[in-house]
């Protein structure tokens, strides 16, 4: 059995409405595969928003963050084929980061995923990390319909190395992500309402700005 991923590449993005079908088909048929075939990638997944924006999310799991800073990954991004040269510049509202997996709990993967992007207050990193790891994540996976939950933290060194030549430019930064997945949107929303209240998260050391989204799975492709 393959160990759980220790590295995560995540890209939130929109496509132009008048070209959505073309870009969406290319992403599903070609782009995910072009990354998943790289050694050290375990899988790639695509999601579409149920609630939140941007409309699409792609998530890739890797053996470790070093895979996303590797020469093989750089070469894949810096030598695009004609289709990639045409389609990637159409992305907008793009937020992309490379994360280390700090904590995970639960078993299995769900067809729906919730994402909460947050940033720790200066000096409160350890407090917030401990609360998410030892309280929020275990409680999330005990909720009805939630099968697993994770804390992903941006790895600045890997992000710098893994962003060489990346197009388009990020329109925003992401520091940490709490991700939880399960069977039905209403179950994930209920879990958030019960356990991830904004006032409680801020009290544990998060900055005021919190961004939520709920997404349904479109595709999962194995290495």
N, C-alpha and C. Protein backbone atom coordinates (compact mmCIF):
# COMPACT_ATOMS: atom_id res chain seq x y z
N UNK A 1 0.84 -1.19 0.00
CA UNK A 1 0.00 0.00 0.00
C UNK A 1 0.88 1.25 0.00
N UNK A 2 0.57 2.21 -0.86
CA UNK A 2 1.35 3.45 -0.94
C UNK A 2 1.09 4.29 0.30
N UNK A 3 2.15 4.78 0.96
CA UNK A 3 1.94 5.65 2.12
C UNK A 3 1.18 6.91 1.71
N UNK A 4 0.46 7.54 2.63
CA UNK A 4 -0.26 8.78 2.31
C UNK A 4 0.70 9.85 1.81
N UNK A 5 0.24 10.75 0.96
CA UNK A 5 1.13 11.80 0.44
C UNK A 5 1.61 12.73 1.56
N UNK A 6 2.84 13.18 1.39
CA UNK A 6 3.40 14.17 2.32
C UNK A 6 3.53 15.54 1.67
N UNK A 7 3.33 15.58 0.35
CA UNK A 7 3.34 16.84 -0.39
C UNK A 7 2.03 17.03 -1.12
N UNK A 8 1.59 18.29 -1.21
CA UNK A 8 0.35 18.61 -1.89
C UNK A 8 0.58 19.82 -2.80
N UNK A 9 0.17 19.70 -4.04
CA UNK A 9 0.09 20.83 -4.97
C UNK A 9 -1.39 21.12 -5.17
N UNK A 10 -1.80 22.37 -4.97
CA UNK A 10 -3.20 22.72 -5.11
C UNK A 10 -3.33 24.00 -5.92
N UNK A 11 -4.26 23.99 -6.87
CA UNK A 11 -4.48 25.14 -7.74
C UNK A 11 -5.97 25.44 -7.79
N UNK A 12 -6.36 26.61 -7.33
CA UNK A 12 -7.71 27.12 -7.50
C UNK A 12 -7.70 28.02 -8.73
N UNK A 13 -8.68 27.88 -9.63
CA UNK A 13 -8.68 28.74 -10.82
C UNK A 13 -10.05 28.78 -11.47
N UNK A 14 -10.24 29.81 -12.30
CA UNK A 14 -11.41 29.93 -13.17
C UNK A 14 -10.95 29.83 -14.62
N UNK A 15 -11.91 29.46 -15.49
CA UNK A 15 -11.71 29.49 -16.93
C UNK A 15 -12.70 30.49 -17.53
N UNK A 16 -12.38 31.08 -18.68
CA UNK A 16 -13.35 31.97 -19.34
C UNK A 16 -14.65 31.22 -19.67
N UNK A 17 -15.78 31.83 -19.39
CA UNK A 17 -17.05 31.15 -19.59
C UNK A 17 -17.25 30.72 -21.04
N UNK A 18 -16.81 31.55 -21.99
CA UNK A 18 -17.04 31.21 -23.39
C UNK A 18 -16.09 30.12 -23.91
N UNK A 19 -15.10 29.74 -23.09
CA UNK A 19 -14.18 28.68 -23.49
C UNK A 19 -14.10 27.58 -22.44
N UNK A 20 -15.04 27.58 -21.52
CA UNK A 20 -14.98 26.64 -20.40
C UNK A 20 -14.97 25.19 -20.86
N UNK A 21 -15.82 24.84 -21.83
CA UNK A 21 -15.89 23.45 -22.28
C UNK A 21 -14.55 22.97 -22.84
N UNK A 22 -13.90 23.84 -23.62
CA UNK A 22 -12.63 23.46 -24.25
C UNK A 22 -11.53 23.29 -23.21
N UNK A 23 -11.39 24.28 -22.31
CA UNK A 23 -10.34 24.21 -21.30
C UNK A 23 -10.60 23.06 -20.34
N UNK A 24 -11.86 22.89 -19.96
CA UNK A 24 -12.23 21.84 -19.02
C UNK A 24 -11.91 20.46 -19.60
N UNK A 25 -12.22 20.24 -20.87
CA UNK A 25 -11.95 18.95 -21.50
C UNK A 25 -10.45 18.70 -21.59
N UNK A 26 -9.69 19.72 -21.96
CA UNK A 26 -8.23 19.57 -22.04
C UNK A 26 -7.65 19.25 -20.66
N UNK A 27 -8.13 19.94 -19.64
CA UNK A 27 -7.60 19.72 -18.29
C UNK A 27 -7.84 18.28 -17.85
N UNK A 28 -9.06 17.79 -18.11
CA UNK A 28 -9.41 16.43 -17.70
C UNK A 28 -8.68 15.37 -18.52
N UNK A 29 -8.60 15.56 -19.83
CA UNK A 29 -8.05 14.54 -20.71
C UNK A 29 -6.52 14.53 -20.75
N UNK A 30 -5.91 15.71 -20.60
CA UNK A 30 -4.48 15.81 -20.84
C UNK A 30 -3.67 16.37 -19.67
N UNK A 31 -4.13 17.47 -19.10
CA UNK A 31 -3.25 18.20 -18.18
C UNK A 31 -2.98 17.43 -16.89
N UNK A 32 -4.02 16.87 -16.29
CA UNK A 32 -3.81 16.12 -15.05
C UNK A 32 -2.83 14.98 -15.29
N UNK A 33 -3.01 14.27 -16.39
CA UNK A 33 -2.13 13.14 -16.71
C UNK A 33 -0.68 13.59 -16.88
N UNK A 34 -0.47 14.77 -17.48
CA UNK A 34 0.89 15.25 -17.73
C UNK A 34 1.66 15.49 -16.44
N UNK A 35 0.96 15.71 -15.36
CA UNK A 35 1.61 15.89 -14.06
C UNK A 35 1.68 14.58 -13.28
N UNK A 36 0.62 13.80 -13.34
CA UNK A 36 0.55 12.57 -12.55
C UNK A 36 1.59 11.55 -13.00
N UNK A 37 2.01 11.60 -14.28
CA UNK A 37 3.01 10.63 -14.75
C UNK A 37 4.40 10.92 -14.21
N UNK A 38 4.64 12.08 -13.60
CA UNK A 38 5.95 12.41 -13.06
C UNK A 38 6.24 11.52 -11.86
N UNK A 39 7.45 10.98 -11.78
CA UNK A 39 7.82 10.14 -10.65
C UNK A 39 7.67 10.91 -9.34
N UNK A 40 7.07 10.26 -8.37
CA UNK A 40 6.85 10.89 -7.07
C UNK A 40 5.44 11.41 -6.89
N UNK A 41 4.71 11.61 -8.00
CA UNK A 41 3.28 11.94 -7.91
C UNK A 41 2.50 10.66 -7.61
N UNK A 42 1.53 10.74 -6.73
CA UNK A 42 0.70 9.58 -6.40
C UNK A 42 -0.64 9.62 -7.14
N UNK A 43 -1.24 10.79 -7.21
CA UNK A 43 -2.54 10.96 -7.85
C UNK A 43 -2.79 12.44 -8.13
N UNK A 44 -3.77 12.67 -8.99
CA UNK A 44 -4.26 14.02 -9.24
C UNK A 44 -5.77 13.99 -9.22
N UNK A 45 -6.38 15.06 -8.68
CA UNK A 45 -7.84 15.13 -8.59
C UNK A 45 -8.32 16.51 -9.04
N UNK A 46 -9.47 16.54 -9.68
CA UNK A 46 -10.11 17.78 -10.07
C UNK A 46 -11.46 17.91 -9.38
N UNK A 47 -11.78 19.13 -8.97
CA UNK A 47 -13.04 19.42 -8.30
C UNK A 47 -13.71 20.63 -8.94
N UNK A 48 -15.05 20.69 -8.78
CA UNK A 48 -15.82 21.85 -9.22
C UNK A 48 -16.61 22.38 -8.03
N UNK A 49 -16.75 23.70 -7.95
CA UNK A 49 -17.38 24.33 -6.79
C UNK A 49 -18.86 23.99 -6.69
N UNK A 50 -19.27 23.65 -5.49
CA UNK A 50 -20.68 23.61 -5.10
C UNK A 50 -21.04 24.95 -4.47
N UNK A 51 -20.12 25.42 -3.64
CA UNK A 51 -20.28 26.71 -2.97
C UNK A 51 -18.89 27.30 -2.80
N UNK A 52 -18.67 28.50 -3.34
CA UNK A 52 -17.37 29.15 -3.22
C UNK A 52 -16.76 29.43 -4.58
N UNK A 53 -15.62 30.05 -4.58
CA UNK A 53 -14.91 30.36 -5.82
C UNK A 53 -13.42 30.38 -5.52
N UNK A 54 -12.58 30.22 -6.58
CA UNK A 54 -12.89 29.99 -7.99
C UNK A 54 -13.69 28.70 -8.23
N UNK A 55 -14.07 28.53 -9.49
CA UNK A 55 -14.95 27.42 -9.84
C UNK A 55 -14.26 26.07 -9.74
N UNK A 56 -12.96 26.00 -10.06
CA UNK A 56 -12.26 24.73 -10.14
C UNK A 56 -11.11 24.65 -9.16
N UNK A 57 -10.84 23.43 -8.70
CA UNK A 57 -9.66 23.14 -7.89
C UNK A 57 -9.01 21.87 -8.42
N UNK A 58 -7.70 21.90 -8.56
CA UNK A 58 -6.92 20.69 -8.84
C UNK A 58 -6.00 20.43 -7.66
N UNK A 59 -5.95 19.18 -7.22
CA UNK A 59 -5.12 18.79 -6.08
C UNK A 59 -4.29 17.58 -6.49
N UNK A 60 -2.99 17.64 -6.22
CA UNK A 60 -2.09 16.53 -6.52
C UNK A 60 -1.39 16.10 -5.23
N UNK A 61 -1.34 14.80 -5.00
CA UNK A 61 -0.61 14.26 -3.86
C UNK A 61 0.72 13.69 -4.31
N UNK A 62 1.78 14.01 -3.58
CA UNK A 62 3.13 13.54 -3.93
C UNK A 62 3.79 12.87 -2.73
N UNK A 63 4.83 12.10 -3.02
CA UNK A 63 5.53 11.40 -1.94
C UNK A 63 6.04 12.38 -0.88
N UNK A 64 6.53 13.53 -1.33
CA UNK A 64 6.99 14.59 -0.42
C UNK A 64 7.05 15.89 -1.22
N UNK A 65 7.31 17.02 -0.54
CA UNK A 65 7.33 18.30 -1.24
C UNK A 65 8.52 18.41 -2.17
N UNK A 66 9.57 17.62 -1.92
CA UNK A 66 10.72 17.65 -2.80
C UNK A 66 10.38 17.30 -4.23
N UNK A 67 9.38 16.46 -4.44
CA UNK A 67 8.94 16.09 -5.79
C UNK A 67 8.51 17.35 -6.55
N UNK A 68 7.88 18.28 -5.84
CA UNK A 68 7.35 19.49 -6.46
C UNK A 68 8.40 20.57 -6.64
N UNK A 69 9.60 20.32 -6.14
CA UNK A 69 10.74 21.22 -6.37
C UNK A 69 11.79 20.56 -7.25
N UNK A 70 11.44 19.41 -7.84
CA UNK A 70 12.41 18.59 -8.56
C UNK A 70 12.64 19.08 -9.99
N UNK A 71 13.71 18.61 -10.58
CA UNK A 71 14.00 18.94 -11.96
C UNK A 71 12.95 18.36 -12.90
N UNK A 72 12.46 17.17 -12.58
CA UNK A 72 11.45 16.54 -13.44
C UNK A 72 10.18 17.37 -13.48
N UNK A 73 9.77 17.90 -12.34
CA UNK A 73 8.57 18.73 -12.31
C UNK A 73 8.82 20.05 -13.03
N UNK A 74 9.99 20.63 -12.83
CA UNK A 74 10.34 21.87 -13.53
C UNK A 74 10.32 21.67 -15.04
N UNK A 75 10.87 20.57 -15.50
CA UNK A 75 10.93 20.31 -16.94
C UNK A 75 9.52 20.12 -17.52
N UNK A 76 8.64 19.49 -16.77
CA UNK A 76 7.27 19.31 -17.25
C UNK A 76 6.58 20.66 -17.44
N UNK A 77 6.84 21.58 -16.50
CA UNK A 77 6.20 22.88 -16.60
C UNK A 77 6.85 23.82 -17.59
N UNK A 78 8.14 23.66 -17.81
CA UNK A 78 8.87 24.60 -18.67
C UNK A 78 8.94 24.14 -20.12
N UNK A 79 8.41 22.95 -20.42
CA UNK A 79 8.39 22.45 -21.79
C UNK A 79 6.97 22.05 -22.19
N UNK A 80 6.04 23.00 -22.16
CA UNK A 80 4.64 22.66 -22.46
C UNK A 80 4.44 22.31 -23.92
N UNK A 81 3.47 21.44 -24.18
CA UNK A 81 3.11 21.16 -25.56
C UNK A 81 2.22 22.29 -26.08
N UNK A 82 1.80 22.19 -27.32
CA UNK A 82 1.03 23.27 -27.94
C UNK A 82 -0.29 23.51 -27.20
N UNK A 83 -0.97 22.45 -26.80
CA UNK A 83 -2.25 22.61 -26.12
C UNK A 83 -2.07 23.34 -24.79
N UNK A 84 -1.03 22.98 -24.04
CA UNK A 84 -0.79 23.65 -22.77
C UNK A 84 -0.44 25.12 -22.96
N UNK A 85 0.33 25.42 -23.98
CA UNK A 85 0.67 26.81 -24.27
C UNK A 85 -0.58 27.63 -24.60
N UNK A 86 -1.56 26.98 -25.19
CA UNK A 86 -2.79 27.68 -25.55
C UNK A 86 -3.75 27.81 -24.37
N UNK A 87 -3.84 26.79 -23.54
CA UNK A 87 -4.89 26.76 -22.52
C UNK A 87 -4.51 27.39 -21.18
N UNK A 88 -3.29 27.15 -20.72
CA UNK A 88 -2.91 27.64 -19.38
C UNK A 88 -3.01 29.17 -19.27
N UNK A 89 -2.62 29.96 -20.27
CA UNK A 89 -2.75 31.41 -20.12
C UNK A 89 -4.19 31.90 -19.96
N UNK A 90 -5.16 31.04 -20.21
CA UNK A 90 -6.55 31.43 -20.04
C UNK A 90 -7.00 31.37 -18.58
N UNK A 91 -6.21 30.72 -17.72
CA UNK A 91 -6.58 30.65 -16.31
C UNK A 91 -6.62 32.06 -15.71
N UNK A 92 -7.57 32.30 -14.81
CA UNK A 92 -7.58 33.56 -14.07
C UNK A 92 -8.16 33.31 -12.68
N UNK A 93 -8.03 34.32 -11.81
CA UNK A 93 -8.37 34.15 -10.39
C UNK A 93 -7.62 32.95 -9.80
N UNK A 94 -6.38 32.79 -10.19
CA UNK A 94 -5.60 31.60 -9.83
C UNK A 94 -4.89 31.79 -8.50
N UNK A 95 -5.06 30.82 -7.64
CA UNK A 95 -4.32 30.76 -6.37
C UNK A 95 -3.70 29.37 -6.30
N UNK A 96 -2.39 29.33 -6.22
CA UNK A 96 -1.66 28.06 -6.30
C UNK A 96 -0.64 28.01 -5.20
N UNK A 97 -0.49 26.85 -4.57
CA UNK A 97 0.55 26.71 -3.58
C UNK A 97 1.01 25.26 -3.48
N UNK A 98 2.16 25.08 -2.85
CA UNK A 98 2.75 23.77 -2.58
C UNK A 98 2.84 23.61 -1.07
N UNK A 99 2.30 22.52 -0.57
CA UNK A 99 2.15 22.35 0.88
C UNK A 99 2.82 21.08 1.39
N UNK A 100 3.27 21.15 2.62
CA UNK A 100 3.60 19.96 3.40
C UNK A 100 2.35 19.53 4.15
N UNK A 101 2.15 18.22 4.25
CA UNK A 101 1.02 17.69 5.01
C UNK A 101 1.43 17.64 6.48
N UNK A 102 0.82 18.49 7.28
CA UNK A 102 1.16 18.56 8.70
C UNK A 102 0.42 17.52 9.51
N UNK A 103 -0.85 17.30 9.18
CA UNK A 103 -1.67 16.37 9.95
C UNK A 103 -2.76 15.80 9.07
N UNK A 104 -3.13 14.54 9.32
CA UNK A 104 -4.24 13.89 8.63
C UNK A 104 -4.89 12.90 9.59
N UNK A 105 -6.18 12.69 9.39
CA UNK A 105 -6.90 11.69 10.16
C UNK A 105 -8.03 11.15 9.31
N UNK A 106 -8.48 9.94 9.64
CA UNK A 106 -9.57 9.33 8.93
C UNK A 106 -9.09 8.34 7.89
N UNK A 107 -10.05 7.72 7.21
CA UNK A 107 -9.76 6.71 6.20
C UNK A 107 -10.63 6.95 4.98
N UNK A 108 -10.07 6.75 3.82
CA UNK A 108 -10.84 6.85 2.59
C UNK A 108 -10.86 8.26 2.02
N UNK A 109 -11.47 8.35 0.84
CA UNK A 109 -11.63 9.62 0.16
C UNK A 109 -13.11 9.81 -0.17
N UNK A 110 -13.57 11.04 -0.06
CA UNK A 110 -14.97 11.33 -0.34
C UNK A 110 -15.17 11.98 -1.69
N UNK A 111 -16.39 12.01 -2.15
CA UNK A 111 -16.73 12.65 -3.40
C UNK A 111 -16.92 14.14 -3.28
N UNK A 112 -16.86 14.66 -2.06
CA UNK A 112 -17.02 16.09 -1.81
C UNK A 112 -15.91 16.52 -0.87
N UNK A 113 -15.38 17.72 -1.08
CA UNK A 113 -14.29 18.22 -0.24
C UNK A 113 -14.55 19.66 0.16
N UNK A 114 -14.28 19.97 1.41
CA UNK A 114 -14.34 21.34 1.90
C UNK A 114 -12.93 21.87 2.09
N UNK A 115 -12.74 23.14 1.76
CA UNK A 115 -11.45 23.80 1.94
C UNK A 115 -11.64 25.06 2.76
N UNK A 116 -10.78 25.25 3.73
CA UNK A 116 -10.75 26.49 4.50
C UNK A 116 -9.32 27.02 4.44
N UNK A 117 -9.13 28.15 3.76
CA UNK A 117 -7.82 28.79 3.68
C UNK A 117 -7.70 29.79 4.82
N UNK A 118 -6.59 29.74 5.53
CA UNK A 118 -6.40 30.61 6.69
C UNK A 118 -4.92 30.93 6.86
N UNK A 119 -4.66 31.94 7.68
CA UNK A 119 -3.28 32.32 8.00
C UNK A 119 -3.16 32.48 9.51
N UNK A 120 -2.06 32.01 10.10
CA UNK A 120 -1.87 32.20 11.55
C UNK A 120 -1.48 33.63 11.88
N UNK A 121 -1.88 34.08 13.03
CA UNK A 121 -1.41 35.35 13.54
C UNK A 121 0.07 35.21 13.89
N UNK A 122 0.87 36.24 13.68
CA UNK A 122 2.29 36.17 14.05
C UNK A 122 2.47 35.78 15.52
N UNK A 123 3.29 34.77 15.75
CA UNK A 123 3.53 34.30 17.10
C UNK A 123 2.52 33.28 17.60
N UNK A 124 1.45 33.04 16.84
CA UNK A 124 0.42 32.08 17.28
C UNK A 124 0.44 30.80 16.45
N UNK A 125 1.48 30.61 15.66
CA UNK A 125 1.52 29.45 14.77
C UNK A 125 1.39 28.12 15.52
N UNK A 126 2.16 27.97 16.59
CA UNK A 126 2.14 26.70 17.32
C UNK A 126 0.79 26.46 17.98
N UNK A 127 0.19 27.52 18.53
CA UNK A 127 -1.13 27.39 19.14
C UNK A 127 -2.16 26.93 18.13
N UNK A 128 -2.18 27.58 16.98
CA UNK A 128 -3.17 27.25 15.96
C UNK A 128 -2.94 25.85 15.40
N UNK A 129 -1.68 25.51 15.14
CA UNK A 129 -1.36 24.19 14.61
C UNK A 129 -1.77 23.09 15.59
N UNK A 130 -1.50 23.29 16.86
CA UNK A 130 -1.86 22.29 17.86
C UNK A 130 -3.36 22.10 17.95
N UNK A 131 -4.11 23.20 17.89
CA UNK A 131 -5.56 23.10 17.96
C UNK A 131 -6.13 22.38 16.75
N UNK A 132 -5.64 22.70 15.55
CA UNK A 132 -6.13 22.04 14.34
C UNK A 132 -5.77 20.55 14.37
N UNK A 133 -4.52 20.24 14.76
CA UNK A 133 -4.03 18.86 14.73
C UNK A 133 -4.71 17.98 15.77
N UNK A 134 -4.85 18.49 16.98
CA UNK A 134 -5.30 17.64 18.10
C UNK A 134 -6.77 17.81 18.45
N UNK A 135 -7.41 18.85 17.96
CA UNK A 135 -8.81 19.07 18.27
C UNK A 135 -9.68 19.07 17.01
N UNK A 136 -9.42 20.02 16.10
CA UNK A 136 -10.32 20.20 14.97
C UNK A 136 -10.37 18.99 14.05
N UNK A 137 -9.20 18.47 13.65
CA UNK A 137 -9.19 17.37 12.69
C UNK A 137 -9.80 16.09 13.29
N UNK A 138 -9.41 15.65 14.49
CA UNK A 138 -10.07 14.47 15.05
C UNK A 138 -11.58 14.63 15.21
N UNK A 139 -12.02 15.83 15.57
CA UNK A 139 -13.46 16.05 15.72
C UNK A 139 -14.17 16.05 14.37
N UNK A 140 -13.52 16.60 13.36
CA UNK A 140 -14.12 16.59 12.02
C UNK A 140 -14.40 15.18 11.54
N UNK A 141 -13.42 14.28 11.67
CA UNK A 141 -13.60 12.93 11.13
C UNK A 141 -14.59 12.11 11.94
N UNK A 142 -14.97 12.61 13.12
CA UNK A 142 -16.00 11.94 13.90
C UNK A 142 -17.40 12.38 13.51
N UNK A 143 -17.50 13.43 12.69
CA UNK A 143 -18.80 13.94 12.27
C UNK A 143 -19.42 13.04 11.20
N UNK A 144 -20.74 13.03 11.17
CA UNK A 144 -21.46 12.20 10.19
C UNK A 144 -21.05 12.55 8.77
N UNK A 145 -20.68 11.53 8.00
CA UNK A 145 -20.38 11.71 6.59
C UNK A 145 -19.00 12.22 6.27
N UNK A 146 -18.17 12.57 7.26
CA UNK A 146 -16.81 13.05 7.02
C UNK A 146 -15.87 11.85 7.14
N UNK A 147 -15.09 11.59 6.10
CA UNK A 147 -14.25 10.39 6.11
C UNK A 147 -12.79 10.68 6.41
N UNK A 148 -12.31 11.90 6.12
CA UNK A 148 -10.93 12.25 6.45
C UNK A 148 -10.79 13.76 6.49
N UNK A 149 -9.71 14.22 7.13
CA UNK A 149 -9.45 15.65 7.25
C UNK A 149 -7.94 15.86 7.35
N UNK A 150 -7.47 17.04 6.91
CA UNK A 150 -6.05 17.29 6.75
C UNK A 150 -5.72 18.75 7.06
N UNK A 151 -4.49 18.96 7.47
CA UNK A 151 -3.91 20.30 7.54
C UNK A 151 -2.74 20.35 6.57
N UNK A 152 -2.81 21.27 5.61
CA UNK A 152 -1.75 21.48 4.63
C UNK A 152 -1.16 22.87 4.85
N UNK A 153 0.17 22.93 5.01
CA UNK A 153 0.84 24.21 5.23
C UNK A 153 1.78 24.51 4.07
N UNK A 154 1.67 25.72 3.52
CA UNK A 154 2.55 26.11 2.43
C UNK A 154 4.00 26.00 2.83
N UNK A 155 4.77 25.33 1.97
CA UNK A 155 6.21 25.19 2.16
C UNK A 155 6.88 26.22 1.25
N UNK A 156 7.37 27.31 1.84
CA UNK A 156 7.87 28.45 1.06
C UNK A 156 9.03 28.06 0.16
N UNK A 157 9.93 27.24 0.65
CA UNK A 157 11.09 26.84 -0.15
C UNK A 157 10.66 26.02 -1.37
N UNK A 158 9.78 25.04 -1.14
CA UNK A 158 9.31 24.21 -2.25
C UNK A 158 8.47 25.03 -3.23
N UNK A 159 7.69 25.97 -2.71
CA UNK A 159 6.87 26.80 -3.59
C UNK A 159 7.73 27.66 -4.50
N UNK A 160 8.80 28.22 -3.96
CA UNK A 160 9.71 29.02 -4.79
C UNK A 160 10.34 28.16 -5.88
N UNK A 161 10.84 27.00 -5.49
CA UNK A 161 11.49 26.12 -6.47
C UNK A 161 10.50 25.55 -7.47
N UNK A 162 9.28 25.29 -7.02
CA UNK A 162 8.29 24.67 -7.87
C UNK A 162 7.45 25.65 -8.66
N UNK A 163 7.78 26.93 -8.59
CA UNK A 163 7.03 27.95 -9.32
C UNK A 163 7.84 28.56 -10.45
N UNK A 164 9.00 28.01 -10.71
CA UNK A 164 9.84 28.53 -11.79
C UNK A 164 9.11 28.39 -13.13
N UNK A 165 8.86 29.52 -13.76
CA UNK A 165 8.22 29.51 -15.05
C UNK A 165 6.73 29.27 -15.01
N UNK A 166 6.13 29.26 -13.82
CA UNK A 166 4.70 28.99 -13.74
C UNK A 166 3.89 30.13 -14.35
N UNK A 167 2.91 29.77 -15.15
CA UNK A 167 1.97 30.71 -15.76
C UNK A 167 0.56 30.18 -15.50
N UNK A 168 -0.39 31.03 -15.09
CA UNK A 168 -0.31 32.48 -14.90
C UNK A 168 0.19 32.84 -13.51
N UNK A 169 0.35 34.14 -13.25
CA UNK A 169 0.79 34.62 -11.94
C UNK A 169 -0.33 34.44 -10.92
N UNK A 170 0.04 34.05 -9.71
CA UNK A 170 -0.95 33.95 -8.64
C UNK A 170 -1.63 35.28 -8.39
N UNK A 171 -2.95 35.23 -8.17
CA UNK A 171 -3.69 36.43 -7.81
C UNK A 171 -3.89 36.56 -6.31
N UNK A 172 -3.38 35.62 -5.56
CA UNK A 172 -3.49 35.67 -4.11
C UNK A 172 -2.64 34.58 -3.49
N UNK A 173 -2.31 34.75 -2.23
CA UNK A 173 -1.47 33.78 -1.53
C UNK A 173 -2.33 32.91 -0.62
N UNK A 174 -1.82 31.74 -0.34
CA UNK A 174 -2.45 30.82 0.60
C UNK A 174 -1.39 30.38 1.58
N UNK A 175 -1.68 30.45 2.87
CA UNK A 175 -0.73 30.00 3.89
C UNK A 175 -1.03 28.58 4.34
N UNK A 176 -2.20 28.38 4.96
CA UNK A 176 -2.60 27.06 5.43
C UNK A 176 -3.96 26.71 4.85
N UNK A 177 -4.22 25.41 4.74
CA UNK A 177 -5.53 24.92 4.30
C UNK A 177 -5.96 23.79 5.22
N UNK A 178 -7.17 23.90 5.76
CA UNK A 178 -7.83 22.75 6.37
C UNK A 178 -8.72 22.16 5.30
N UNK A 179 -8.53 20.88 5.00
CA UNK A 179 -9.33 20.19 3.99
C UNK A 179 -10.04 19.01 4.66
N UNK A 180 -11.33 18.88 4.42
CA UNK A 180 -12.06 17.73 4.95
C UNK A 180 -12.97 17.21 3.85
N UNK A 181 -13.08 15.88 3.78
CA UNK A 181 -13.80 15.26 2.68
C UNK A 181 -14.78 14.21 3.18
N UNK A 182 -15.82 14.03 2.38
CA UNK A 182 -16.84 13.09 2.80
C UNK A 182 -17.82 12.78 1.70
N UNK A 183 -19.00 12.36 2.10
CA UNK A 183 -19.94 11.76 1.17
C UNK A 183 -20.96 12.74 0.59
N UNK A 184 -21.38 13.75 1.37
CA UNK A 184 -22.44 14.65 0.91
C UNK A 184 -22.11 16.09 1.29
N UNK A 185 -22.48 17.05 0.43
CA UNK A 185 -22.20 18.45 0.75
C UNK A 185 -22.80 18.90 2.08
N UNK A 186 -24.03 18.47 2.34
CA UNK A 186 -24.67 18.93 3.58
C UNK A 186 -23.95 18.43 4.82
N UNK A 187 -23.31 17.25 4.74
CA UNK A 187 -22.56 16.73 5.88
C UNK A 187 -21.30 17.57 6.12
N UNK A 188 -20.61 17.93 5.05
CA UNK A 188 -19.41 18.76 5.21
C UNK A 188 -19.76 20.15 5.71
N UNK A 189 -20.87 20.70 5.24
CA UNK A 189 -21.30 22.01 5.70
C UNK A 189 -21.71 21.97 7.16
N UNK A 190 -22.37 20.89 7.57
CA UNK A 190 -22.76 20.76 8.97
C UNK A 190 -21.53 20.63 9.87
N UNK A 191 -20.53 19.90 9.40
CA UNK A 191 -19.30 19.77 10.19
C UNK A 191 -18.61 21.11 10.35
N UNK A 192 -18.57 21.89 9.28
CA UNK A 192 -17.96 23.22 9.37
C UNK A 192 -18.72 24.10 10.35
N UNK A 193 -20.04 24.08 10.26
CA UNK A 193 -20.85 24.92 11.15
C UNK A 193 -20.66 24.53 12.62
N UNK A 194 -20.44 23.25 12.86
CA UNK A 194 -20.29 22.79 14.24
C UNK A 194 -18.89 23.01 14.80
N UNK A 195 -17.87 22.85 13.96
CA UNK A 195 -16.51 22.77 14.48
C UNK A 195 -15.55 23.83 13.97
N UNK A 196 -15.90 24.52 12.90
CA UNK A 196 -14.99 25.50 12.32
C UNK A 196 -15.63 26.88 12.29
N UNK A 197 -16.23 27.25 13.39
CA UNK A 197 -16.81 28.58 13.50
C UNK A 197 -15.69 29.63 13.44
N UNK A 198 -15.95 30.72 12.75
CA UNK A 198 -14.91 31.72 12.53
C UNK A 198 -14.40 32.30 13.83
N UNK A 199 -15.29 32.60 14.77
CA UNK A 199 -14.85 33.17 16.04
C UNK A 199 -13.94 32.21 16.79
N UNK A 200 -14.25 30.93 16.73
CA UNK A 200 -13.43 29.94 17.43
C UNK A 200 -12.05 29.82 16.79
N UNK A 201 -12.00 29.83 15.46
CA UNK A 201 -10.72 29.70 14.77
C UNK A 201 -9.84 30.92 15.04
N UNK A 202 -10.43 32.09 15.03
CA UNK A 202 -9.65 33.30 15.33
C UNK A 202 -9.16 33.28 16.77
N UNK A 203 -9.98 32.76 17.68
CA UNK A 203 -9.56 32.69 19.09
C UNK A 203 -8.36 31.76 19.26
N UNK A 204 -8.21 30.79 18.36
CA UNK A 204 -7.09 29.85 18.46
C UNK A 204 -5.83 30.35 17.77
N UNK A 205 -5.91 31.54 17.13
CA UNK A 205 -4.69 32.12 16.57
C UNK A 205 -4.71 32.40 15.09
N UNK A 206 -5.88 32.30 14.43
CA UNK A 206 -5.96 32.61 13.00
C UNK A 206 -6.25 34.08 12.79
N UNK A 207 -5.78 34.61 11.67
CA UNK A 207 -6.13 35.96 11.27
C UNK A 207 -7.61 36.02 10.90
N UNK A 208 -8.11 37.24 10.76
CA UNK A 208 -9.55 37.42 10.56
C UNK A 208 -10.04 36.87 9.23
N UNK A 209 -9.23 36.94 8.17
CA UNK A 209 -9.70 36.53 6.86
C UNK A 209 -9.67 35.01 6.73
N UNK A 210 -10.86 34.43 6.52
CA UNK A 210 -11.01 32.99 6.33
C UNK A 210 -11.82 32.76 5.06
N UNK A 211 -11.38 31.84 4.21
CA UNK A 211 -12.06 31.58 2.95
C UNK A 211 -12.51 30.13 2.88
N UNK A 212 -13.82 29.92 2.75
CA UNK A 212 -14.39 28.58 2.68
C UNK A 212 -14.83 28.25 1.27
N UNK A 213 -14.84 26.97 0.94
CA UNK A 213 -15.43 26.51 -0.30
C UNK A 213 -15.75 25.03 -0.19
N UNK A 214 -16.78 24.59 -0.91
CA UNK A 214 -17.16 23.18 -0.95
C UNK A 214 -17.19 22.75 -2.42
N UNK A 215 -16.54 21.61 -2.71
CA UNK A 215 -16.31 21.20 -4.09
C UNK A 215 -16.63 19.73 -4.28
N UNK A 216 -17.18 19.40 -5.46
CA UNK A 216 -17.47 18.00 -5.80
C UNK A 216 -16.38 17.45 -6.69
N UNK A 217 -16.08 16.17 -6.53
CA UNK A 217 -15.03 15.52 -7.30
C UNK A 217 -15.46 15.32 -8.74
N UNK A 218 -14.59 15.72 -9.68
CA UNK A 218 -14.80 15.47 -11.10
C UNK A 218 -13.98 14.31 -11.62
N UNK A 219 -12.75 14.18 -11.11
CA UNK A 219 -11.80 13.20 -11.66
C UNK A 219 -10.76 12.86 -10.61
N UNK A 220 -10.39 11.59 -10.56
CA UNK A 220 -9.23 11.14 -9.80
C UNK A 220 -8.39 10.27 -10.71
N UNK A 221 -7.11 10.59 -10.87
CA UNK A 221 -6.23 9.83 -11.75
C UNK A 221 -4.99 9.39 -10.97
N UNK A 222 -4.72 8.11 -10.98
CA UNK A 222 -3.58 7.52 -10.28
C UNK A 222 -2.31 7.64 -11.11
N UNK A 223 -1.16 7.69 -10.41
CA UNK A 223 0.15 7.63 -11.07
C UNK A 223 0.29 6.31 -11.83
